[in-house]
Protein backbone atom coordinates (compact mmCIF):
# COMPACT_ATOMS: atom_id res chain seq x y z
CA UNK A 1 72.74 23.76 128.55
CA UNK A 2 73.74 27.17 129.87
CA UNK A 3 71.24 30.01 130.10
CA UNK A 4 73.86 32.63 130.90
CA UNK A 5 74.40 35.56 128.55
CA UNK A 6 77.22 38.07 128.67
CA UNK A 7 75.93 41.60 128.06
CA UNK A 8 77.94 44.73 127.24
CA UNK A 9 76.24 48.02 128.11
CA UNK A 10 77.55 51.06 126.22
CA UNK A 11 76.94 54.54 127.64
CA UNK A 12 78.43 56.63 124.88
CA UNK A 13 79.14 60.32 124.46
CA UNK A 14 77.73 61.66 121.22
CA UNK A 15 79.07 64.04 118.67
CA UNK A 16 76.79 65.81 116.20
CA UNK A 17 78.14 63.53 113.45
CA UNK A 18 76.21 60.24 113.11
CA UNK A 19 79.01 58.64 111.06
CA UNK A 20 81.50 59.43 113.81
CA UNK A 21 79.15 57.99 116.43
CA UNK A 22 78.78 54.80 114.37
CA UNK A 23 82.55 54.50 113.97
CA UNK A 24 82.96 54.80 117.73
CA UNK A 25 80.21 52.22 118.23
CA UNK A 26 82.02 49.84 115.87
CA UNK A 27 85.05 49.92 118.19
CA UNK A 28 82.88 49.12 121.24
CA UNK A 29 81.10 46.30 119.39
CA UNK A 30 84.44 44.84 118.33
CA UNK A 31 85.74 45.07 121.91
CA UNK A 32 82.57 43.40 123.23
CA UNK A 33 83.02 40.63 120.67
CA UNK A 34 86.64 40.07 121.74
CA UNK A 35 85.40 39.77 125.34
CA UNK A 36 82.85 37.14 124.28
CA UNK A 37 79.75 39.24 124.88
CA UNK A 38 76.54 37.84 123.47
CA UNK A 39 74.71 41.16 123.40
CA UNK A 40 75.68 44.83 123.13
CA UNK A 41 73.11 47.35 124.41
CA UNK A 42 73.13 51.02 123.46
CA UNK A 43 70.79 53.59 124.96
CA UNK A 44 67.96 55.56 123.43
CA UNK A 45 69.06 57.84 120.56
CA UNK A 46 72.53 56.29 120.84
CA UNK A 47 73.74 57.54 117.46
CA UNK A 48 71.63 60.60 116.68
CA UNK A 49 71.26 62.27 120.07
CA UNK A 50 68.16 64.05 121.31
CA UNK A 51 68.48 66.97 123.67
CA UNK A 52 65.05 68.51 123.31
CA UNK A 53 61.76 68.07 121.47
CA UNK A 54 62.52 69.80 118.20
CA UNK A 55 60.66 68.16 115.32
CA UNK A 56 62.59 70.06 112.61
CA UNK A 57 65.92 68.89 114.00
CA UNK A 58 64.70 65.36 114.75
CA UNK A 59 63.29 64.74 111.26
CA UNK A 60 66.71 65.65 109.80
CA UNK A 61 68.58 63.08 111.89
CA UNK A 62 65.90 60.37 111.90
CA UNK A 63 66.80 57.34 109.80
CA UNK A 64 64.71 54.92 107.78
CA UNK A 65 64.64 51.18 108.40
CA UNK A 66 66.57 49.81 106.66
CA UNK A 67 68.85 52.82 106.59
CA UNK A 68 72.37 53.99 107.33
CA UNK A 69 72.30 53.13 111.04
CA UNK A 70 70.52 49.77 110.90
CA UNK A 71 72.55 48.65 107.88
CA UNK A 72 75.82 49.44 109.66
CA UNK A 73 74.70 47.78 112.90
CA UNK A 74 73.51 44.68 111.02
CA UNK A 75 76.87 44.37 109.30
CA UNK A 76 78.75 44.79 112.60
CA UNK A 77 76.53 42.22 114.32
CA UNK A 78 77.23 39.73 111.56
CA UNK A 79 80.99 40.41 111.51
CA UNK A 80 81.32 39.93 115.26
CA UNK A 81 78.64 37.23 115.76
CA UNK A 82 76.93 39.41 118.34
CA UNK A 83 73.42 40.76 118.95
CA UNK A 84 72.87 44.51 119.20
CA UNK A 85 70.08 46.51 120.82
CA UNK A 86 69.93 50.23 120.08
CA UNK A 87 67.25 52.90 120.24
CA UNK A 88 67.17 55.14 117.18
CA UNK A 89 64.93 57.85 115.79
CA UNK A 90 63.12 56.25 112.88
CA UNK A 91 61.56 58.21 110.02
CA UNK A 92 58.75 56.94 107.85
CA UNK A 93 57.68 59.62 105.38
CA UNK A 94 57.06 62.65 107.65
CA UNK A 95 56.47 60.69 110.88
CA UNK A 96 59.10 60.01 113.56
CA UNK A 97 59.23 56.95 115.82
CA UNK A 98 61.67 55.79 118.49
C-alpha cells in the first residue's frame, strides 16, 4: 500500500471575470489529471480575487455553496477523478465567509 500522493499547486493570475478564471482553472485541472495528480490546490480567493477589504465589492463576487464555483469544481473533479482544494469567498444571506 502506497501512501504517496501527487499534488499540483496552481498559482494563477486572475482576471475580473470569474467565468474566465474557472475556464483557465479547468485547463490546469485537466493538465494535472493527465499528469496523474491526486490533488489540485488553488490559493485563497483563487477565482474571485481579493485585493482589499471592500465589503460591497466582496458581497458581489461571493458565491453560495452550492453555487457557480463549487458546482463547476465538483464537475471537473468528477470528470478528471481528482480532488480539488480551493479557497473561495462564500456568501450566506448578507454574511461573507472564506
